[in-house]
Amino acid sequence: MSGFRHVVAWKLADPESRDETVAQMKSLLEALVGVVPGLKSLSVNPTALPGEGNWDVVLISDHDSLDAFRTYQTHPAHLEAAQWVSQQVSERAAVDYVLEP
């Protein structure tokens, strides 16, 4: 497999509404597959071990290339979802890397 991977971890601003927030994040973000050109896959999942120093939610997306990832970053559908997500989180960390063939 070759391409580009984007990994984001978030801490939720309101951990008490974790299940509802994660469900909405999944719905908004996973719907981008098939909408954003070059976005091959995207999954959003909660931590299996909340409260043990772990982040609350992770997103993993695979893109055809770095250029496809850049398209994703600026795509209107992604920007709309990202705006909502940014209002639900208190911290964000990301790692991006090239997938070797």
PDB file of N, CA and C in Angstrom:
ATOM      1  N   MET A   1       0.843  -1.177   0.000  1.00  0.00           N
ATOM      2  CA  MET A   1       0.000   0.000   0.000  1.00  0.00           C
ATOM      3  C   MET A   1       0.884   1.235   0.000  1.00  0.00           C
ATOM      4  N   SER A   2       0.570   2.189  -0.810  1.00  0.00           N
ATOM      5  CA  SER A   2       1.272   3.458  -0.754  1.00  0.00           C
ATOM      6  C   SER A   2       0.230   4.553  -0.642  1.00  0.00           C
ATOM      7  N   GLY A   3       0.673   5.698  -0.234  1.00  0.00           N
ATOM      8  CA  GLY A   3      -0.230   6.823  -0.061  1.00  0.00           C
ATOM      9  C   GLY A   3       0.211   7.648   1.125  1.00  0.00           C
ATOM     10  N   PHE A   4      -0.761   8.231   1.804  1.00  0.00           N
ATOM     11  CA  PHE A   4      -0.484   9.148   2.903  1.00  0.00           C
ATOM     12  C   PHE A   4      -1.491   8.895   4.017  1.00  0.00           C
ATOM     13  N   ARG A   5      -1.011   8.821   5.254  1.00  0.00           N
ATOM     14  CA  ARG A   5      -1.894   8.568   6.406  1.00  0.00           C
ATOM     15  C   ARG A   5      -1.905   9.774   7.340  1.00  0.00           C
ATOM     16  N   HIS A   6      -3.101  10.088   7.818  1.00  0.00           N
ATOM     17  CA  HIS A   6      -3.356  11.192   8.751  1.00  0.00           C
ATOM     18  C   HIS A   6      -3.968  10.587  10.007  1.00  0.00           C
ATOM     19  N   VAL A   7      -3.333  10.816  11.153  1.00  0.00           N
ATOM     20  CA  VAL A   7      -3.823  10.297  12.429  1.00  0.00           C
ATOM     21  C   VAL A   7      -4.017  11.481  13.368  1.00  0.00           C
ATOM     22  N   VAL A   8      -5.214  11.587  13.935  1.00  0.00           N
ATOM     23  CA  VAL A   8      -5.524  12.677  14.864  1.00  0.00           C
ATOM     24  C   VAL A   8      -6.089  12.072  16.138  1.00  0.00           C
ATOM     25  N   ALA A   9      -5.636  12.580  17.276  1.00  0.00           N
ATOM     26  CA  ALA A   9      -6.206  12.198  18.567  1.00  0.00           C
ATOM     27  C   ALA A   9      -6.760  13.461  19.224  1.00  0.00           C
ATOM     28  N   TRP A  10      -7.918  13.306  19.846  1.00  0.00           N
ATOM     29  CA  TRP A  10      -8.561  14.436  20.516  1.00  0.00           C
ATOM     30  C   TRP A  10      -8.876  14.091  21.961  1.00  0.00           C
ATOM     31  N   LYS A  11      -8.842  15.105  22.806  1.00  0.00           N
ATOM     32  CA  LYS A  11      -9.422  15.042  24.140  1.00  0.00           C
ATOM     33  C   LYS A  11     -10.700  15.865  24.068  1.00  0.00           C
ATOM     34  N   LEU A  12     -11.784  15.295  24.549  1.00  0.00           N
ATOM     35  CA  LEU A  12     -13.070  15.955  24.473  1.00  0.00           C
ATOM     36  C   LEU A  12     -13.196  17.036  25.543  1.00  0.00           C
ATOM     37  N   ALA A  13     -13.866  18.125  25.180  1.00  0.00           N
ATOM     38  CA  ALA A  13     -14.102  19.206  26.127  1.00  0.00           C
ATOM     39  C   ALA A  13     -15.074  18.767  27.217  1.00  0.00           C
ATOM     40  N   ASP A  14     -16.030  17.893  26.861  1.00  0.00           N
ATOM     41  CA  ASP A  14     -17.018  17.403  27.816  1.00  0.00           C
ATOM     42  C   ASP A  14     -17.031  15.871  27.791  1.00  0.00           C
ATOM     43  N   PRO A  15     -16.156  15.242  28.570  1.00  0.00           N
ATOM     44  CA  PRO A  15     -16.094  13.781  28.562  1.00  0.00           C
ATOM     45  C   PRO A  15     -17.404  13.110  28.997  1.00  0.00           C
ATOM     46  N   GLU A  16     -18.258  13.821  29.703  1.00  0.00           N
ATOM     47  CA  GLU A  16     -19.534  13.256  30.158  1.00  0.00           C
ATOM     48  C   GLU A  16     -20.462  12.924  28.992  1.00  0.00           C
ATOM     49  N   SER A  17     -20.312  13.641  27.872  1.00  0.00           N
ATOM     50  CA  SER A  17     -21.159  13.384  26.691  1.00  0.00           C
ATOM     51  C   SER A  17     -20.379  12.613  25.622  1.00  0.00           C
ATOM     52  N   ARG A  18     -19.393  11.840  26.061  1.00  0.00           N
ATOM     53  CA  ARG A  18     -18.470  11.135  25.170  1.00  0.00           C
ATOM     54  C   ARG A  18     -19.176  10.301  24.106  1.00  0.00           C
ATOM     55  N   ASP A  19     -20.099   9.461  24.498  1.00  0.00           N
ATOM     56  CA  ASP A  19     -20.738   8.552  23.544  1.00  0.00           C
ATOM     57  C   ASP A  19     -21.469   9.317  22.437  1.00  0.00           C
ATOM     58  N   GLU A  20     -22.216  10.342  22.813  1.00  0.00           N
ATOM     59  CA  GLU A  20     -22.959  11.134  21.833  1.00  0.00           C
ATOM     60  C   GLU A  20     -22.017  11.918  20.919  1.00  0.00           C
ATOM     61  N   THR A  21     -20.976  12.495  21.522  1.00  0.00           N
ATOM     62  CA  THR A  21     -20.025  13.287  20.733  1.00  0.00           C
ATOM     63  C   THR A  21     -19.279  12.407  19.740  1.00  0.00           C
ATOM     64  N   VAL A  22     -18.822  11.251  20.191  1.00  0.00           N
ATOM     65  CA  VAL A  22     -18.097  10.339  19.294  1.00  0.00           C
ATOM     66  C   VAL A  22     -19.016   9.867  18.169  1.00  0.00           C
ATOM     67  N   ALA A  23     -20.250   9.559  18.477  1.00  0.00           N
ATOM     68  CA  ALA A  23     -21.197   9.120  17.438  1.00  0.00           C
ATOM     69  C   ALA A  23     -21.377  10.206  16.380  1.00  0.00           C
ATOM     70  N   GLN A  24     -21.492  11.446  16.803  1.00  0.00           N
ATOM     71  CA  GLN A  24     -21.649  12.550  15.847  1.00  0.00           C
ATOM     72  C   GLN A  24     -20.370  12.763  15.048  1.00  0.00           C
ATOM     73  N   MET A  25     -19.209  12.664  15.702  1.00  0.00           N
ATOM     74  CA  MET A  25     -17.928  12.792  15.002  1.00  0.00           C
ATOM     75  C   MET A  25     -17.820  11.719  13.922  1.00  0.00           C
ATOM     76  N   LYS A  26     -18.154  10.456  14.291  1.00  0.00           N
ATOM     77  CA  LYS A  26     -18.111   9.349  13.326  1.00  0.00           C
ATOM     78  C   LYS A  26     -19.000   9.656  12.130  1.00  0.00           C
ATOM     79  N   SER A  27     -20.204  10.085  12.410  1.00  0.00           N
ATOM     80  CA  SER A  27     -21.171  10.358  11.353  1.00  0.00           C
ATOM     81  C   SER A  27     -20.672  11.447  10.405  1.00  0.00           C
ATOM     82  N   LEU A  28     -20.221  12.546  10.962  1.00  0.00           N
ATOM     83  CA  LEU A  28     -19.763  13.674  10.139  1.00  0.00           C
ATOM     84  C   LEU A  28     -18.500  13.342   9.344  1.00  0.00           C
ATOM     85  N   LEU A  29     -17.521  12.757  10.009  1.00  0.00           N
ATOM     86  CA  LEU A  29     -16.213  12.570   9.375  1.00  0.00           C
ATOM     87  C   LEU A  29     -16.164  11.362   8.453  1.00  0.00           C
ATOM     88  N   GLU A  30     -16.753  10.250   8.851  1.00  0.00           N
ATOM     89  CA  GLU A  30     -16.714   9.062   7.994  1.00  0.00           C
ATOM     90  C   GLU A  30     -17.523   9.266   6.714  1.00  0.00           C
ATOM     91  N   ALA A  31     -18.468  10.188   6.733  1.00  0.00           N
ATOM     92  CA  ALA A  31     -19.264  10.505   5.539  1.00  0.00           C
ATOM     93  C   ALA A  31     -18.438  11.218   4.470  1.00  0.00           C
ATOM     94  N   LEU A  32     -17.240  11.658   4.805  1.00  0.00           N
ATOM     95  CA  LEU A  32     -16.393  12.361   3.827  1.00  0.00           C
ATOM     96  C   LEU A  32     -15.817  11.410   2.773  1.00  0.00           C
ATOM     97  N   VAL A  33     -15.763  10.106   3.094  1.00  0.00           N
ATOM     98  CA  VAL A  33     -15.273   9.128   2.115  1.00  0.00           C
ATOM     99  C   VAL A  33     -16.274   9.086   0.958  1.00  0.00           C
ATOM    100  N   GLY A  34     -15.772   9.248  -0.250  1.00  0.00           N
ATOM    101  CA  GLY A  34     -16.638   9.302  -1.422  1.00  0.00           C
ATOM    102  C   GLY A  34     -17.044  10.716  -1.793  1.00  0.00           C
ATOM    103  N   VAL A  35     -16.777  11.661  -0.890  1.00  0.00           N
ATOM    104  CA  VAL A  35     -17.080  13.072  -1.144  1.00  0.00           C
ATOM    105  C   VAL A  35     -15.796  13.827  -1.472  1.00  0.00           C
ATOM    106  N   VAL A  36     -14.746  13.577  -0.709  1.00  0.00           N
ATOM    107  CA  VAL A  36     -13.458  14.255  -0.897  1.00  0.00           C
ATOM    108  C   VAL A  36     -12.595  13.419  -1.832  1.00  0.00           C
ATOM    109  N   PRO A  37     -12.198  13.980  -2.967  1.00  0.00           N
ATOM    110  CA  PRO A  37     -11.355  13.229  -3.903  1.00  0.00           C
ATOM    111  C   PRO A  37     -10.044  12.786  -3.247  1.00  0.00           C
ATOM    112  N   GLY A  38      -9.658  11.540  -3.495  1.00  0.00           N
ATOM    113  CA  GLY A  38      -8.385  11.032  -2.988  1.00  0.00           C
ATOM    114  C   GLY A  38      -8.428  10.528  -1.562  1.00  0.00           C
ATOM    115  N   LEU A  39      -9.578  10.645  -0.883  1.00  0.00           N
ATOM    116  CA  LEU A  39      -9.727  10.111   0.471  1.00  0.00           C
ATOM    117  C   LEU A  39     -10.153   8.654   0.354  1.00  0.00           C
ATOM    118  N   LYS A  40      -9.214   7.732   0.665  1.00  0.00           N
ATOM    119  CA  LYS A  40      -9.474   6.303   0.474  1.00  0.00           C
ATOM    120  C   LYS A  40     -10.262   5.687   1.623  1.00  0.00           C
ATOM    121  N   SER A  41      -9.959   6.094   2.840  1.00  0.00           N
ATOM    122  CA  SER A  41     -10.669   5.556   4.000  1.00  0.00           C
ATOM    123  C   SER A  41     -10.525   6.522   5.158  1.00  0.00           C
ATOM    124  N   LEU A  42     -11.475   6.433   6.090  1.00  0.00           N
ATOM    125  CA  LEU A  42     -11.441   7.272   7.279  1.00  0.00           C
ATOM    126  C   LEU A  42     -12.258   6.571   8.353  1.00  0.00           C
ATOM    127  N   SER A  43     -11.682   6.448   9.542  1.00  0.00           N
ATOM    128  CA  SER A  43     -12.412   5.872  10.671  1.00  0.00           C
ATOM    129  C   SER A  43     -12.207   6.729  11.911  1.00  0.00           C
ATOM    130  N   VAL A  44     -13.243   6.797  12.720  1.00  0.00           N
ATOM    131  CA  VAL A  44     -13.218   7.525  13.982  1.00  0.00           C
ATOM    132  C   VAL A  44     -13.631   6.541  15.072  1.00  0.00           C
ATOM    133  N   ASN A  45     -12.812   6.442  16.129  1.00  0.00           N
ATOM    134  CA  ASN A  45     -13.095   5.494  17.203  1.00  0.00           C
ATOM    135  C   ASN A  45     -12.729   6.073  18.561  1.00  0.00           C
ATOM    136  N   PRO A  46     -13.522   5.722  19.583  1.00  0.00           N
ATOM    137  CA  PRO A  46     -13.195   6.151  20.944  1.00  0.00           C
ATOM    138  C   PRO A  46     -12.126   5.239  21.539  1.00  0.00           C
ATOM    139  N   THR A  47     -11.454   5.728  22.555  1.00  0.00           N
ATOM    140  CA  THR A  47     -10.508   4.883  23.274  1.00  0.00           C
ATOM    141  C   THR A  47     -11.264   3.765  23.977  1.00  0.00           C
ATOM    142  N   ALA A  48     -10.642   2.630  24.081  1.00  0.00           N
ATOM    143  CA  ALA A  48     -11.230   1.507  24.812  1.00  0.00           C
ATOM    144  C   ALA A  48     -10.949   1.632  26.313  1.00  0.00           C
ATOM    145  N   LEU A  49     -10.014   2.529  26.683  1.00  0.00           N
ATOM    146  CA  LEU A  49      -9.613   2.681  28.084  1.00  0.00           C
ATOM    147  C   LEU A  49      -9.689   4.145  28.506  1.00  0.00           C
ATOM    148  N   PRO A  50     -10.889   4.687  28.626  1.00  0.00           N
ATOM    149  CA  PRO A  50     -11.002   6.102  28.999  1.00  0.00           C
ATOM    150  C   PRO A  50     -10.483   6.365  30.413  1.00  0.00           C
ATOM    151  N   GLY A  51      -9.929   7.558  30.588  1.00  0.00           N
ATOM    152  CA  GLY A  51      -9.515   7.993  31.911  1.00  0.00           C
ATOM    153  C   GLY A  51      -8.182   7.474  32.394  1.00  0.00           C
ATOM    154  N   GLU A  52      -7.452   6.742  31.579  1.00  0.00           N
ATOM    155  CA  GLU A  52      -6.154   6.215  32.009  1.00  0.00           C
ATOM    156  C   GLU A  52      -5.009   6.992  31.350  1.00  0.00           C
ATOM    157  N   GLY A  53      -5.203   8.291  31.191  1.00  0.00           N
ATOM    158  CA  GLY A  53      -4.199   9.115  30.543  1.00  0.00           C
ATOM    159  C   GLY A  53      -4.270   9.033  29.033  1.00  0.00           C
ATOM    160  N   ASN A  54      -5.286   8.338  28.517  1.00  0.00           N
ATOM    161  CA  ASN A  54      -5.438   8.196  27.073  1.00  0.00           C
ATOM    162  C   ASN A  54      -6.230   9.358  26.491  1.00  0.00           C
ATOM    163  N   TRP A  55      -6.039   9.574  25.214  1.00  0.00           N
ATOM    164  CA  TRP A  55      -6.863  10.518  24.487  1.00  0.00           C
ATOM    165  C   TRP A  55      -8.230   9.872  24.296  1.00  0.00           C
ATOM    166  N   ASP A  56      -9.252  10.685  24.061  1.00  0.00           N
ATOM    167  CA  ASP A  56     -10.629  10.181  24.013  1.00  0.00           C
ATOM    168  C   ASP A  56     -11.023   9.564  22.678  1.00  0.00           C
ATOM    169  N   VAL A  57     -10.542  10.153  21.589  1.00  0.00           N
ATOM    170  CA  VAL A  57     -11.002   9.761  20.249  1.00  0.00           C
ATOM    171  C   VAL A  57      -9.820   9.794  19.292  1.00  0.00           C
ATOM    172  N   VAL A  58      -9.818   8.871  18.320  1.00  0.00           N
ATOM    173  CA  VAL A  58      -8.792   8.869  17.284  1.00  0.00           C
ATOM    174  C   VAL A  58      -9.448   8.821  15.902  1.00  0.00           C
ATOM    175  N   LEU A  59      -8.870   9.528  14.967  1.00  0.00           N
ATOM    176  CA  LEU A  59      -9.245   9.478  13.554  1.00  0.00           C
ATOM    177  C   LEU A  59      -8.038   8.966  12.791  1.00  0.00           C
ATOM    178  N   ILE A  60      -8.272   8.014  11.898  1.00  0.00           N
ATOM    179  CA  ILE A  60      -7.221   7.545  11.000  1.00  0.00           C
ATOM    180  C   ILE A  60      -7.783   7.619   9.587  1.00  0.00           C
ATOM    181  N   SER A  61      -7.091   8.375   8.729  1.00  0.00           N
ATOM    182  CA  SER A  61      -7.536   8.464   7.334  1.00  0.00           C
ATOM    183  C   SER A  61      -6.369   8.184   6.405  1.00  0.00           C
ATOM    184  N   ASP A  62      -6.687   7.507   5.304  1.00  0.00           N
ATOM    185  CA  ASP A  62      -5.700   7.211   4.273  1.00  0.00           C
ATOM    186  C   ASP A  62      -6.087   7.940   2.996  1.00  0.00           C
ATOM    187  N   HIS A  63      -5.064   8.504   2.353  1.00  0.00           N
ATOM    188  CA  HIS A  63      -5.239   9.335   1.164  1.00  0.00           C
ATOM    189  C   HIS A  63      -4.353   8.795   0.050  1.00  0.00           C
ATOM    190  N   ASP A  64      -4.744   9.065  -1.179  1.00  0.00           N
ATOM    191  CA  ASP A  64      -3.969   8.594  -2.326  1.00  0.00           C
ATOM    192  C   ASP A  64      -2.537   9.125  -2.325  1.00  0.00           C
ATOM    193  N   SER A  65      -2.352  10.343  -1.804  1.00  0.00           N
ATOM    194  CA  SER A  65      -1.040  10.999  -1.858  1.00  0.00           C
ATOM    195  C   SER A  65      -1.044  12.192  -0.907  1.00  0.00           C
ATOM    196  N   LEU A  66       0.113  12.819  -0.753  1.00  0.00           N
ATOM    197  CA  LEU A  66       0.192  14.056   0.029  1.00  0.00           C
ATOM    198  C   LEU A  66      -0.691  15.121  -0.594  1.00  0.00           C
ATOM    199  N   ASP A  67      -0.685  15.216  -1.924  1.00  0.00           N
ATOM    200  CA  ASP A  67      -1.545  16.198  -2.586  1.00  0.00           C
ATOM    201  C   ASP A  67      -3.018  15.926  -2.311  1.00  0.00           C
ATOM    202  N   ALA A  68      -3.414  14.659  -2.285  1.00  0.00           N
ATOM    203  CA  ALA A  68      -4.801  14.307  -1.968  1.00  0.00           C
ATOM    204  C   ALA A  68      -5.130  14.711  -0.531  1.00  0.00           C
ATOM    205  N   PHE A  69      -4.177  14.542   0.381  1.00  0.00           N
ATOM    206  CA  PHE A  69      -4.389  14.976   1.758  1.00  0.00           C
ATOM    207  C   PHE A  69      -4.579  16.491   1.820  1.00  0.00           C
ATOM    208  N   ARG A  70      -3.797  17.214   1.074  1.00  0.00           N
ATOM    209  CA  ARG A  70      -3.942  18.677   1.048  1.00  0.00           C
ATOM    210  C   ARG A  70      -5.313  19.085   0.502  1.00  0.00           C
ATOM    211  N   THR A  71      -5.815  18.347  -0.471  1.00  0.00           N
ATOM    212  CA  THR A  71      -7.162  18.593  -0.983  1.00  0.00           C
ATOM    213  C   THR A  71      -8.182  18.367   0.127  1.00  0.00           C
ATOM    214  N   TYR A  72      -8.011  17.293   0.866  1.00  0.00           N
ATOM    215  CA  TYR A  72      -8.887  16.974   2.008  1.00  0.00           C
ATOM    216  C   TYR A  72      -8.887  18.112   3.024  1.00  0.00           C
ATOM    217  N   GLN A  73      -7.706  18.628   3.337  1.00  0.00           N
ATOM    218  CA  GLN A  73      -7.594  19.686   4.343  1.00  0.00           C
ATOM    219  C   GLN A  73      -8.406  20.922   3.986  1.00  0.00           C
ATOM    220  N   THR A  74      -8.518  21.227   2.705  1.00  0.00           N
ATOM    221  CA  THR A  74      -9.180  22.461   2.282  1.00  0.00           C
ATOM    222  C   THR A  74     -10.561  22.226   1.671  1.00  0.00           C
ATOM    223  N   HIS A  75     -10.994  20.981   1.611  1.00  0.00           N
ATOM    224  CA  HIS A  75     -12.289  20.676   1.011  1.00  0.00           C
ATOM    225  C   HIS A  75     -13.405  21.250   1.890  1.00  0.00           C
ATOM    226  N   PRO A  76     -14.402  21.912   1.293  1.00  0.00           N
ATOM    227  CA  PRO A  76     -15.486  22.524   2.082  1.00  0.00           C
ATOM    228  C   PRO A  76     -16.211  21.553   3.018  1.00  0.00           C
ATOM    229  N   ALA A  77     -16.437  20.323   2.593  1.00  0.00           N
ATOM    230  CA  ALA A  77     -17.126  19.356   3.458  1.00  0.00           C
ATOM    231  C   ALA A  77     -16.278  19.022   4.683  1.00  0.00           C
ATOM    232  N   HIS A  78     -14.966  18.904   4.500  1.00  0.00           N
ATOM    233  CA  HIS A  78     -14.074  18.654   5.638  1.00  0.00           C
ATOM    234  C   HIS A  78     -14.022  19.862   6.560  1.00  0.00           C
ATOM    235  N   LEU A  79     -13.935  21.048   5.982  1.00  0.00           N
ATOM    236  CA  LEU A  79     -13.866  22.257   6.798  1.00  0.00           C
ATOM    237  C   LEU A  79     -15.120  22.422   7.655  1.00  0.00           C
ATOM    238  N   GLU A  80     -16.272  22.082   7.104  1.00  0.00           N
ATOM    239  CA  GLU A  80     -17.523  22.176   7.862  1.00  0.00           C
ATOM    240  C   GLU A  80     -17.523  21.186   9.029  1.00  0.00           C
ATOM    241  N   ALA A  81     -17.125  19.945   8.772  1.00  0.00           N
ATOM    242  CA  ALA A  81     -17.060  18.941   9.835  1.00  0.00           C
ATOM    243  C   ALA A  81     -16.013  19.329  10.873  1.00  0.00           C
ATOM    244  N   ALA A  82     -14.870  19.795  10.418  1.00  0.00           N
ATOM    245  CA  ALA A  82     -13.776  20.165  11.322  1.00  0.00           C
ATOM    246  C   ALA A  82     -14.174  21.322  12.234  1.00  0.00           C
ATOM    247  N   GLN A  83     -14.974  22.229  11.727  1.00  0.00           N
ATOM    248  CA  GLN A  83     -15.425  23.348  12.563  1.00  0.00           C
ATOM    249  C   GLN A  83     -16.258  22.824  13.732  1.00  0.00           C
ATOM    250  N   TRP A  84     -17.182  21.902  13.460  1.00  0.00           N
ATOM    251  CA  TRP A  84     -17.996  21.329  14.529  1.00  0.00           C
ATOM    252  C   TRP A  84     -17.114  20.567  15.512  1.00  0.00           C
ATOM    253  N   VAL A  85     -16.207  19.742  14.991  1.00  0.00           N
ATOM    254  CA  VAL A  85     -15.331  18.955  15.855  1.00  0.00           C
ATOM    255  C   VAL A  85     -14.511  19.861  16.760  1.00  0.00           C
ATOM    256  N   SER A  86     -13.984  20.939  16.223  1.00  0.00           N
ATOM    257  CA  SER A  86     -13.130  21.834  17.020  1.00  0.00           C
ATOM    258  C   SER A  86     -13.875  22.424  18.215  1.00  0.00           C
ATOM    259  N   GLN A  87     -15.183  22.508  18.115  1.00  0.00           N
ATOM    260  CA  GLN A  87     -15.982  23.033  19.231  1.00  0.00           C
ATOM    261  C   GLN A  87     -16.225  21.974  20.308  1.00  0.00           C
ATOM    262  N   GLN A  88     -15.938  20.717  20.004  1.00  0.00           N
ATOM    263  CA  GLN A  88     -16.192  19.624  20.940  1.00  0.00           C
ATOM    264  C   GLN A  88     -14.940  19.169  21.688  1.00  0.00           C
ATOM    265  N   VAL A  89     -13.776  19.654  21.280  1.00  0.00           N
ATOM    266  CA  VAL A  89     -12.526  19.137  21.838  1.00  0.00           C
ATOM    267  C   VAL A  89     -11.750  20.205  22.595  1.00  0.00           C
ATOM    268  N   SER A  90     -10.926  19.735  23.532  1.00  0.00           N
ATOM    269  CA  SER A  90     -10.073  20.650  24.286  1.00  0.00           C
ATOM    270  C   SER A  90      -8.621  20.578  23.835  1.00  0.00           C
ATOM    271  N   GLU A  91      -8.220  19.424  23.256  1.00  0.00           N
ATOM    272  CA  GLU A  91      -6.849  19.256  22.776  1.00  0.00           C
ATOM    273  C   GLU A  91      -6.861  18.405  21.526  1.00  0.00           C
ATOM    274  N   ARG A  92      -5.830  18.625  20.692  1.00  0.00           N
ATOM    275  CA  ARG A  92      -5.687  17.882  19.442  1.00  0.00           C
ATOM    276  C   ARG A  92      -4.214  17.579  19.212  1.00  0.00           C
ATOM    277  N   ALA A  93      -3.932  16.371  18.775  1.00  0.00           N
ATOM    278  CA  ALA A  93      -2.575  15.991  18.365  1.00  0.00           C
ATOM    279  C   ALA A  93      -2.693  15.260  17.048  1.00  0.00           C
ATOM    280  N   ALA A  94      -1.708  15.431  16.178  1.00  0.00           N
ATOM    281  CA  ALA A  94      -1.761  14.765  14.864  1.00  0.00           C
ATOM    282  C   ALA A  94      -0.393  14.256  14.474  1.00  0.00           C
ATOM    283  N   VAL A  95      -0.413  13.175  13.687  1.00  0.00           N
ATOM    284  CA  VAL A  95       0.790  12.623  13.076  1.00  0.00           C
ATOM    285  C   VAL A  95       0.406  12.298  11.634  1.00  0.00           C
ATOM    286  N   ASP A  96       1.239  12.715  10.702  1.00  0.00           N
ATOM    287  CA  ASP A  96       1.007  12.490   9.272  1.00  0.00           C
ATOM    288  C   ASP A  96       2.255  11.850   8.679  1.00  0.00           C
ATOM    289  N   TYR A  97       2.046  10.819   7.841  1.00  0.00           N
ATOM    290  CA  TYR A  97       3.223  10.169   7.265  1.00  0.00           C
ATOM    291  C   TYR A  97       2.899   9.496   5.942  1.00  0.00           C
ATOM    292  N   VAL A  98       3.955   9.294   5.174  1.00  0.00           N
ATOM    293  CA  VAL A  98       3.854   8.628   3.877  1.00  0.00           C
ATOM    294  C   VAL A  98       3.822   7.130   4.107  1.00  0.00           C
ATOM    295  N   LEU A  99       2.889   6.449   3.439  1.00  0.00           N
ATOM    296  CA  LEU A  99       2.816   4.988   3.474  1.00  0.00           C
ATOM    297  C   LEU A  99       3.726   4.450   2.384  1.00  0.00           C
ATOM    298  N   GLU A 100       4.629   3.583   2.760  1.00  0.00           N
ATOM    299  CA  GLU A 100       5.573   3.018   1.798  1.00  0.00           C
ATOM    300  C   GLU A 100       4.887   1.907   1.010  1.00  0.00           C
ATOM    301  N   PRO A 101       5.264   1.779  -0.283  1.00  0.00           N
ATOM    302  CA  PRO A 101       4.688   0.701  -1.097  1.00  0.00           C
ATOM    303  C   PRO A 101       5.124  -0.673  -0.622  1.00  0.00           C
TER     304      PRO A 101
END
